[in-house]
Amino acid sequence: QVQLVESGGTLVQAGGSLRLSCAASGRAFNMYDMAWFRQAPGKEREFVADILRSISSTHYTDSVKGRFTISRDNAKSTVYLQMNSLQPADTAVYYCAAAWSAGFAPRRLPSQYPYWGQGTQVTVSS
């Protein structure tokens, strides 16, 4: 099993940047595919980005491509989400998720991830 704790969420002005962190505890972090999801009020939880066990393999939802970057440091058991050019539409609770590596296909459904953090609030003001 793996336990996840997110941090870095805060209030930021439109056009600004934030870096979210997700620290994992437990064994074999490098064997997990990691992802970020977000959930805005009244909306379903949506996929934002993932980074597979292979660090070179990342995927993004269209609305964040070119603005967000997911990365991981296996030595620190931490995954990051660098968010640039933030927009009010990015306002949401951001969740880190983990799933045991299962190949090279991206997984974009919340149901595909058994491990979740508690979430961190990102608010972008206009």
Foldseek 3Di string as FASTA:
>chain_A
DKAKAKDWADEAAAQAKTKMKIAIDDPDLLQKKKFKWWDDPPGDIWGAKIAASPQVAMDGDPVQPPFWDWGDDVVRRMIMIIGGRDDQVPWTWMKMFIDGHDDRDDDIDPVRTPYIHPTGTHGYHD
